[in-house]
Every structure is written in C-alpha cells, then in structure tokens.
C-alpha atoms as a PDB file:
ATOM      1  CA  MET A   1      -9.547  19.784-164.725  1.00  0.00           C
ATOM      2  CA  GLU A   2     -12.502  19.650-162.633  1.00  0.00           C
ATOM      3  CA  ILE A   3     -15.878  17.749-164.396  1.00  0.00           C
ATOM      4  CA  THR A   4     -19.047  19.375-163.219  1.00  0.00           C
ATOM      5  CA  SER A   5     -21.802  16.765-162.932  1.00  0.00           C
ATOM      6  CA  PRO A   6     -24.962  17.763-164.469  1.00  0.00           C
ATOM      7  CA  SER A   7     -27.788  19.729-162.298  1.00  0.00           C
ATOM      8  CA  LYS A   8     -30.762  18.222-161.476  1.00  0.00           C
ATOM      9  CA  TYR A   9     -32.364  20.675-164.049  1.00  0.00           C
ATOM     10  CA  GLU A  10     -30.214  19.671-166.486  1.00  0.00           C
ATOM     11  CA  LYS A  11     -30.755  16.026-166.185  1.00  0.00           C
ATOM     12  CA  LEU A  12     -34.580  16.879-166.489  1.00  0.00           C
ATOM     13  CA  LEU A  13     -34.077  19.013-169.620  1.00  0.00           C
ATOM     14  CA  GLU A  14     -32.006  15.605-171.045  1.00  0.00           C
ATOM     15  CA  ARG A  15     -34.823  13.690-170.051  1.00  0.00           C
ATOM     16  CA  SER A  16     -37.372  15.387-171.549  1.00  0.00           C
ATOM     17  CA  ASP A  17     -35.889  16.401-174.611  1.00  0.00           C
ATOM     18  CA  LYS A  18     -37.020  13.296-176.736  1.00  0.00           C
ATOM     19  CA  GLY A  19     -39.863  15.032-178.390  1.00  0.00           C
ATOM     20  CA  TYR A  20     -42.464  14.717-176.220  1.00  0.00           C
ATOM     21  CA  LYS A  21     -45.764  16.504-177.063  1.00  0.00           C
ATOM     22  CA  ALA A  22     -47.135  16.948-173.567  1.00  0.00           C
ATOM     23  CA  PHE A  23     -45.673  17.222-169.955  1.00  0.00           C
ATOM     24  CA  LEU A  24     -47.753  15.948-166.765  1.00  0.00           C
ATOM     25  CA  TYR A  25     -46.447  16.698-163.474  1.00  0.00           C
ATOM     26  CA  ASP A  26     -47.415  15.219-160.336  1.00  0.00           C
ATOM     27  CA  CYS A  27     -48.174  18.082-157.438  1.00  0.00           C
ATOM     28  CA  ASP A  28     -47.146  17.114-153.900  1.00  0.00           C
ATOM     29  CA  GLY A  29     -43.742  16.169-153.654  1.00  0.00           C
ATOM     30  CA  THR A  30     -42.971  16.954-157.482  1.00  0.00           C
ATOM     31  CA  LEU A  31     -43.554  20.536-157.731  1.00  0.00           C
ATOM     32  CA  ALA A  32     -44.289  21.340-153.943  1.00  0.00           C
ATOM     33  CA  ASP A  33     -41.787  20.446-151.315  1.00  0.00           C
ATOM     34  CA  ASN A  34     -44.690  19.551-148.615  1.00  0.00           C
ATOM     35  CA  MET A  35     -44.703  15.745-148.300  1.00  0.00           C
ATOM     36  CA  LYS A  36     -43.222  15.977-144.448  1.00  0.00           C
ATOM     37  CA  ALA A  37     -46.399  18.701-144.038  1.00  0.00           C
ATOM     38  CA  HIS A  38     -48.712  16.104-145.470  1.00  0.00           C
ATOM     39  CA  ALA A  39     -47.717  13.679-143.214  1.00  0.00           C
ATOM     40  CA  LEU A  40     -47.733  15.375-140.084  1.00  0.00           C
ATOM     41  CA  THR A  41     -51.309  16.223-140.977  1.00  0.00           C
ATOM     42  CA  TYR A  42     -51.855  12.314-141.190  1.00  0.00           C
ATOM     43  CA  ILE A  43     -50.204  11.689-138.027  1.00  0.00           C
ATOM     44  CA  LYS A  44     -52.083  14.370-136.130  1.00  0.00           C
ATOM     45  CA  VAL A  45     -55.931  13.702-137.578  1.00  0.00           C
ATOM     46  CA  ALA A  46     -55.211   9.918-136.935  1.00  0.00           C
ATOM     47  CA  ALA A  47     -53.478  10.727-133.226  1.00  0.00           C
ATOM     48  CA  ASP A  48     -56.552  12.850-132.488  1.00  0.00           C
ATOM     49  CA  GLN A  49     -58.597   9.639-133.151  1.00  0.00           C
ATOM     50  CA  GLY A  50     -56.473   7.730-131.097  1.00  0.00           C
ATOM     51  CA  VAL A  51     -54.544   6.096-133.875  1.00  0.00           C
ATOM     52  CA  HIS A  52     -50.871   6.590-133.703  1.00  0.00           C
ATOM     53  CA  ILE A  53     -49.038   5.944-137.150  1.00  0.00           C
ATOM     54  CA  ASN A  54     -45.117   6.930-138.562  1.00  0.00           C
ATOM     55  CA  GLY A  55     -44.686   8.647-141.727  1.00  0.00           C
ATOM     56  CA  GLU A  56     -43.361   5.755-143.382  1.00  0.00           C
ATOM     57  CA  ILE A  57     -46.855   4.782-144.509  1.00  0.00           C
ATOM     58  CA  ILE A  58     -47.792   8.110-145.949  1.00  0.00           C
ATOM     59  CA  ASP A  59     -44.352   8.199-148.129  1.00  0.00           C
ATOM     60  CA  GLU A  60     -45.339   4.756-149.209  1.00  0.00           C
ATOM     61  CA  LEU A  61     -48.915   5.712-150.374  1.00  0.00           C
ATOM     62  CA  ALA A  62     -47.676   9.252-152.031  1.00  0.00           C
ATOM     63  CA  GLY A  63     -50.338  10.171-154.863  1.00  0.00           C
ATOM     64  CA  TRP A  64     -53.118   7.936-153.461  1.00  0.00           C
ATOM     65  CA  PRO A  65     -56.394   9.968-152.756  1.00  0.00           C
ATOM     66  CA  VAL A  66     -56.799  10.485-148.882  1.00  0.00           C
ATOM     67  CA  PRO A  67     -59.634   8.371-148.166  1.00  0.00           C
ATOM     68  CA  ALA A  68     -58.099   5.480-150.017  1.00  0.00           C
ATOM     69  CA  VAL A  69     -54.905   6.475-147.900  1.00  0.00           C
ATOM     70  CA  VAL A  70     -57.160   6.087-144.803  1.00  0.00           C
ATOM     71  CA  LYS A  71     -58.739   2.771-145.778  1.00  0.00           C
ATOM     72  CA  GLU A  72     -55.198   1.430-145.943  1.00  0.00           C
ATOM     73  CA  ILE A  73     -54.147   2.695-142.595  1.00  0.00           C
ATOM     74  CA  ASN A  74     -57.456   1.153-140.959  1.00  0.00           C
ATOM     75  CA  LYS A  75     -56.425  -1.917-142.664  1.00  0.00           C
ATOM     76  CA  ARG A  76     -53.137  -2.059-141.423  1.00  0.00           C
ATOM     77  CA  TYR A  77     -53.436  -0.766-137.921  1.00  0.00           C
ATOM     78  CA  GLY A  78     -56.950  -2.270-137.249  1.00  0.00           C
ATOM     79  CA  SER A  79     -58.695   1.247-136.957  1.00  0.00           C
ATOM     80  CA  ASN A  80     -61.860   2.150-137.973  1.00  0.00           C
ATOM     81  CA  MET A  81     -61.739   6.004-138.966  1.00  0.00           C
ATOM     82  CA  ASP A  82     -64.275   7.149-141.233  1.00  0.00           C
ATOM     83  CA  PRO A  83     -62.198   7.874-144.642  1.00  0.00           C
ATOM     84  CA  GLU A  84     -64.284  11.027-145.739  1.00  0.00           C
ATOM     85  CA  GLU A  85     -64.179  12.710-142.569  1.00  0.00           C
ATOM     86  CA  PHE A  86     -60.647  12.026-141.897  1.00  0.00           C
ATOM     87  CA  ALA A  87     -59.778  13.698-145.262  1.00  0.00           C
ATOM     88  CA  GLU A  88     -62.223  16.860-144.668  1.00  0.00           C
ATOM     89  CA  ILE A  89     -60.244  17.283-141.244  1.00  0.00           C
ATOM     90  CA  ARG A  90     -56.932  16.475-142.730  1.00  0.00           C
ATOM     91  CA  GLN A  91     -57.545  19.250-145.471  1.00  0.00           C
ATOM     92  CA  LYS A  92     -58.904  21.623-143.357  1.00  0.00           C
ATOM     93  CA  LEU A  93     -55.587  21.287-140.888  1.00  0.00           C
ATOM     94  CA  TYR A  94     -53.451  21.545-143.712  1.00  0.00           C
ATOM     95  CA  HIS A  95     -54.798  24.547-145.774  1.00  0.00           C
ATOM     96  CA  ASP A  96     -54.854  26.530-142.172  1.00  0.00           C
ATOM     97  CA  GLU A  97     -51.362  25.487-140.708  1.00  0.00           C
ATOM     98  CA  TYR A  98     -49.153  24.394-143.352  1.00  0.00           C
ATOM     99  CA  ILE A  99     -50.031  25.479-147.316  1.00  0.00           C
ATOM    100  CA  ALA A 100     -48.858  28.848-147.218  1.00  0.00           C
ATOM    101  CA  LYS A 101     -45.580  27.997-145.853  1.00  0.00           C
ATOM    102  CA  ILE A 102     -44.793  25.418-149.120  1.00  0.00           C
ATOM    103  CA  THR A 103     -41.739  25.970-151.074  1.00  0.00           C
ATOM    104  CA  PRO A 104     -41.171  24.494-154.805  1.00  0.00           C
ATOM    105  CA  VAL A 105     -39.117  21.905-155.674  1.00  0.00           C
ATOM    106  CA  GLU A 106     -36.961  24.167-157.823  1.00  0.00           C
ATOM    107  CA  HIS A 107     -35.333  22.026-160.645  1.00  0.00           C
ATOM    108  CA  VAL A 108     -38.987  20.739-161.393  1.00  0.00           C
ATOM    109  CA  VAL A 109     -40.856  24.029-161.258  1.00  0.00           C
ATOM    110  CA  ASP A 110     -38.036  25.419-163.386  1.00  0.00           C
ATOM    111  CA  HIS A 111     -38.290  22.870-165.914  1.00  0.00           C
ATOM    112  CA  LEU A 112     -42.532  23.213-165.761  1.00  0.00           C
ATOM    113  CA  LYS A 113     -41.767  27.292-166.279  1.00  0.00           C
ATOM    114  CA  ALA A 114     -38.922  26.679-169.042  1.00  0.00           C
ATOM    115  CA  HIS A 115     -41.892  24.623-171.095  1.00  0.00           C
ATOM    116  CA  TYR A 116     -44.711  27.254-170.798  1.00  0.00           C
ATOM    117  CA  GLY A 117     -45.784  28.025-173.873  1.00  0.00           C
ATOM    118  CA  LYS A 118     -43.679  25.189-175.850  1.00  0.00           C
ATOM    119  CA  VAL A 119     -45.812  22.448-174.758  1.00  0.00           C
ATOM    120  CA  PRO A 120     -49.303  21.567-173.164  1.00  0.00           C
ATOM    121  CA  ILE A 121     -48.815  21.293-169.514  1.00  0.00           C
ATOM    122  CA  ALA A 122     -51.049  19.158-166.932  1.00  0.00           C
ATOM    123  CA  VAL A 123     -51.083  18.840-163.042  1.00  0.00           C
ATOM    124  CA  VAL A 124     -52.101  15.592-162.219  1.00  0.00           C
ATOM    125  CA  SER A 125     -52.674  15.011-158.367  1.00  0.00           C
ATOM    126  CA  GLY A 126     -54.100  12.959-155.736  1.00  0.00           C
ATOM    127  CA  GLY A 127     -55.115  15.809-153.858  1.00  0.00           C
ATOM    128  CA  SER A 128     -58.446  17.596-154.067  1.00  0.00           C
ATOM    129  CA  ARG A 129     -58.718  20.457-156.657  1.00  0.00           C
ATOM    130  CA  GLU A 130     -58.895  23.251-153.805  1.00  0.00           C
ATOM    131  CA  ALA A 131     -55.685  21.926-152.525  1.00  0.00           C
ATOM    132  CA  VAL A 132     -53.965  21.702-155.720  1.00  0.00           C
ATOM    133  CA  GLU A 133     -55.120  24.840-157.049  1.00  0.00           C
ATOM    134  CA  LYS A 134     -54.209  26.767-153.762  1.00  0.00           C
ATOM    135  CA  THR A 135     -50.548  24.643-153.636  1.00  0.00           C
ATOM    136  CA  LEU A 136     -50.106  26.175-157.282  1.00  0.00           C
ATOM    137  CA  ASN A 137     -50.877  29.788-156.561  1.00  0.00           C
ATOM    138  CA  VAL A 138     -48.453  29.686-153.622  1.00  0.00           C
ATOM    139  CA  LEU A 139     -45.788  28.680-156.158  1.00  0.00           C
ATOM    140  CA  GLY A 140     -46.752  31.210-158.251  1.00  0.00           C
ATOM    141  CA  ILE A 141     -47.563  28.633-161.450  1.00  0.00           C
ATOM    142  CA  ALA A 142     -51.401  28.583-161.458  1.00  0.00           C
ATOM    143  CA  ASP A 143     -51.500  30.616-164.714  1.00  0.00           C
ATOM    144  CA  LEU A 144     -48.788  28.241-166.379  1.00  0.00           C
ATOM    145  CA  VAL A 145     -51.098  24.871-166.163  1.00  0.00           C
ATOM    146  CA  GLU A 146     -53.318  23.964-169.096  1.00  0.00           C
ATOM    147  CA  THR A 147     -55.422  21.493-166.958  1.00  0.00           C
ATOM    148  CA  LEU A 148     -55.857  19.751-163.775  1.00  0.00           C
ATOM    149  CA  VAL A 149     -56.988  16.528-162.752  1.00  0.00           C
ATOM    150  CA  CYS A 150     -57.310  15.898-159.330  1.00  0.00           C
ATOM    151  CA  ALA A 151     -59.012  13.581-156.700  1.00  0.00           C
ATOM    152  CA  GLY A 152     -62.260  11.913-157.196  1.00  0.00           C
ATOM    153  CA  GLU A 153     -62.468  13.253-160.806  1.00  0.00           C
ATOM    154  CA  THR A 154     -62.035   9.837-162.507  1.00  0.00           C
ATOM    155  CA  PRO A 155     -63.378   6.645-161.358  1.00  0.00           C
ATOM    156  CA  HIS A 156     -59.933   5.657-160.245  1.00  0.00           C
ATOM    157  CA  GLY A 157     -57.103   7.272-158.720  1.00  0.00           C
ATOM    158  CA  LYS A 158     -53.161   6.714-159.026  1.00  0.00           C
ATOM    159  CA  PRO A 159     -51.811   3.823-159.155  1.00  0.00           C
ATOM    160  CA  TYR A 160     -54.653   3.178-162.196  1.00  0.00           C
ATOM    161  CA  PRO A 161     -54.335   4.908-165.279  1.00  0.00           C
ATOM    162  CA  ASP A 162     -57.276   7.235-165.063  1.00  0.00           C
ATOM    163  CA  PRO A 163     -55.663  10.324-163.803  1.00  0.00           C
ATOM    164  CA  PHE A 164     -53.084  10.525-166.250  1.00  0.00           C
ATOM    165  CA  LEU A 165     -55.370   9.402-169.101  1.00  0.00           C
ATOM    166  CA  ALA A 166     -57.543  11.984-168.439  1.00  0.00           C
ATOM    167  CA  ALA A 167     -54.972  14.820-168.613  1.00  0.00           C
ATOM    168  CA  ALA A 168     -54.043  13.534-171.978  1.00  0.00           C
ATOM    169  CA  VAL A 169     -57.781  13.429-173.166  1.00  0.00           C
ATOM    170  CA  LYS A 170     -57.985  17.134-171.825  1.00  0.00           C
ATOM    171  CA  LEU A 171     -54.680  18.429-173.509  1.00  0.00           C
ATOM    172  CA  GLY A 172     -55.578  16.531-176.895  1.00  0.00           C
ATOM    173  CA  VAL A 173     -52.261  14.539-176.872  1.00  0.00           C
ATOM    174  CA  ASP A 174     -51.854  10.980-177.504  1.00  0.00           C
ATOM    175  CA  PRO A 175     -50.527   8.974-174.145  1.00  0.00           C
ATOM    176  CA  LYS A 176     -47.438   7.917-175.960  1.00  0.00           C
ATOM    177  CA  HIS A 177     -46.459  11.478-176.487  1.00  0.00           C
ATOM    178  CA  CYS A 178     -46.591  12.277-173.059  1.00  0.00           C
ATOM    179  CA  LEU A 179     -43.762  12.468-170.023  1.00  0.00           C
ATOM    180  CA  VAL A 180     -44.688  12.209-166.438  1.00  0.00           C
ATOM    181  CA  PHE A 181     -42.989  13.516-163.928  1.00  0.00           C
ATOM    182  CA  GLU A 182     -43.417  12.068-160.635  1.00  0.00           C
ATOM    183  CA  ASP A 183     -41.642  11.408-156.932  1.00  0.00           C
ATOM    184  CA  GLY A 184     -43.517   8.174-155.990  1.00  0.00           C
ATOM    185  CA  ASP A 185     -44.586   4.578-156.976  1.00  0.00           C
ATOM    186  CA  PRO A 186     -48.414   4.627-157.046  1.00  0.00           C
ATOM    187  CA  GLY A 187     -47.904   7.838-159.700  1.00  0.00           C
ATOM    188  CA  VAL A 188     -45.300   5.775-161.394  1.00  0.00           C
ATOM    189  CA  GLN A 189     -47.423   2.794-161.734  1.00  0.00           C
ATOM    190  CA  SER A 190     -49.967   5.071-163.089  1.00  0.00           C
ATOM    191  CA  ALA A 191     -47.696   6.706-165.734  1.00  0.00           C
ATOM    192  CA  ILE A 192     -46.724   3.451-166.752  1.00  0.00           C
ATOM    193  CA  ALA A 193     -50.469   1.845-167.111  1.00  0.00           C
ATOM    194  CA  ALA A 194     -51.369   4.469-168.952  1.00  0.00           C
ATOM    195  CA  GLY A 195     -48.532   3.781-171.519  1.00  0.00           C
ATOM    196  CA  MET A 196     -46.440   7.015-170.492  1.00  0.00           C
ATOM    197  CA  ASP A 197     -43.182   7.633-170.273  1.00  0.00           C
ATOM    198  CA  TRP A 198     -41.811   8.921-166.775  1.00  0.00           C
ATOM    199  CA  VAL A 199     -39.292  10.545-164.627  1.00  0.00           C
ATOM    200  CA  ARG A 200     -38.458  10.134-161.001  1.00  0.00           C
ATOM    201  CA  ILE A 201     -37.683  13.719-160.131  1.00  0.00           C
ATOM    202  CA  ASP A 202     -36.159  12.327-156.300  1.00  0.00           C
ATOM    203  CA  GLN A 203     -34.158   9.766-158.197  1.00  0.00           C
ATOM    204  CA  LEU A 204     -32.017  12.176-160.675  1.00  0.00           C
ATOM    205  CA  ASP A 205     -28.500  11.630-158.857  1.00  0.00           C
END
C-alpha cells in the first residue's frame, strides 16, 4: 500500500491547528512568489549606480526594509548609494515591470483563504504599504486581510519585534496567541522577539 506524504498545505493546517487566535503573514516570499523579482530589481538599480551585487544578499536580508538593505550593501561593498533614493527607484521599477506578473505561494494563500472569518488576519511586511496593497490585490486576497503593518510604520522593522507587536495590538490579540508565517530569518527573529510562535513556509518538507 502506498503511503502518501502530507502536502505542504496539510502541514500548514497541522502546524496552525493549536488554538491560535490570530494569523500574521509576511507578504513577499510567503504569500507572493516574488523574491526573484525583488532580487532582480535590487541588482538592476545597484548596477545602474555602478555597484554589482548578487542575489544572495537580498535573500539573506529578506524582510528588511529596503533602505536598511541598501545600508548593508553599502557596508559590505564599500559603496555610498543613497538608501532612500534607491528605495524610490527600486519601488518604481518593481511596480512598472514586475508586480503585475507575481503569482501566489499556493499553499500559504490557500491557508489564509481557509481561515478568513475564523481568526483575525494581518499581513506584516518590510515592503511599502503601496507595494503590499497592490500585491494583495494582484493575488486577490486584499479584502481578506484585517490589518497591515508595513515598512516605516513602526520604530524598527524586522528583525526587531515592533512590526508583529503592532499587528497584535491592531488585532487586539495577545502576542502569545498569534502564529506567524514567514520565509526568512529576519522575520522569524522578529516573531521570536515578539513572543510569537512561527512557521517557516519554505521549510515544510
């Protein structure tokens, strides 16, 4: 008799079926399959300014606000790109050429849809509110999310606890009753610092 292993969606259901009172999802790389697109925009904007980077640093710092990523690039590459200007250029490039083409991370989006109306739902992202709102609209789930916490809306971004704690306050749920869905180390560190349980959606196998 063949034994069928649980799907990623079934594993998410199992991990989240423990009496949690709110679900907090990261956006890029967790709900939206767009990390490659983000990396390409960083690489292009940096190259246009004479700085040649690879995508590994973008993956490593997934979840950080863009200006913070640029500051880290400057530190490692000895460059002096303006973080705020870089963020504006990168966001325009992403909006103009990439955002309409993004696709969902199916098992995570299906999980969110399955729990709409059952527990409060937030999206907590290191991206700008404009980009996150457009991404959720492209994915068709904008109306299912109760609250957003985006870049620049808390004193510190991920990996600090501020974004997830702010979402918990907005939802009116104690952090210990929240479950975070993430795809990167900075987001996981943020969840741990906030006193929340977490799931790495890219490590369910």
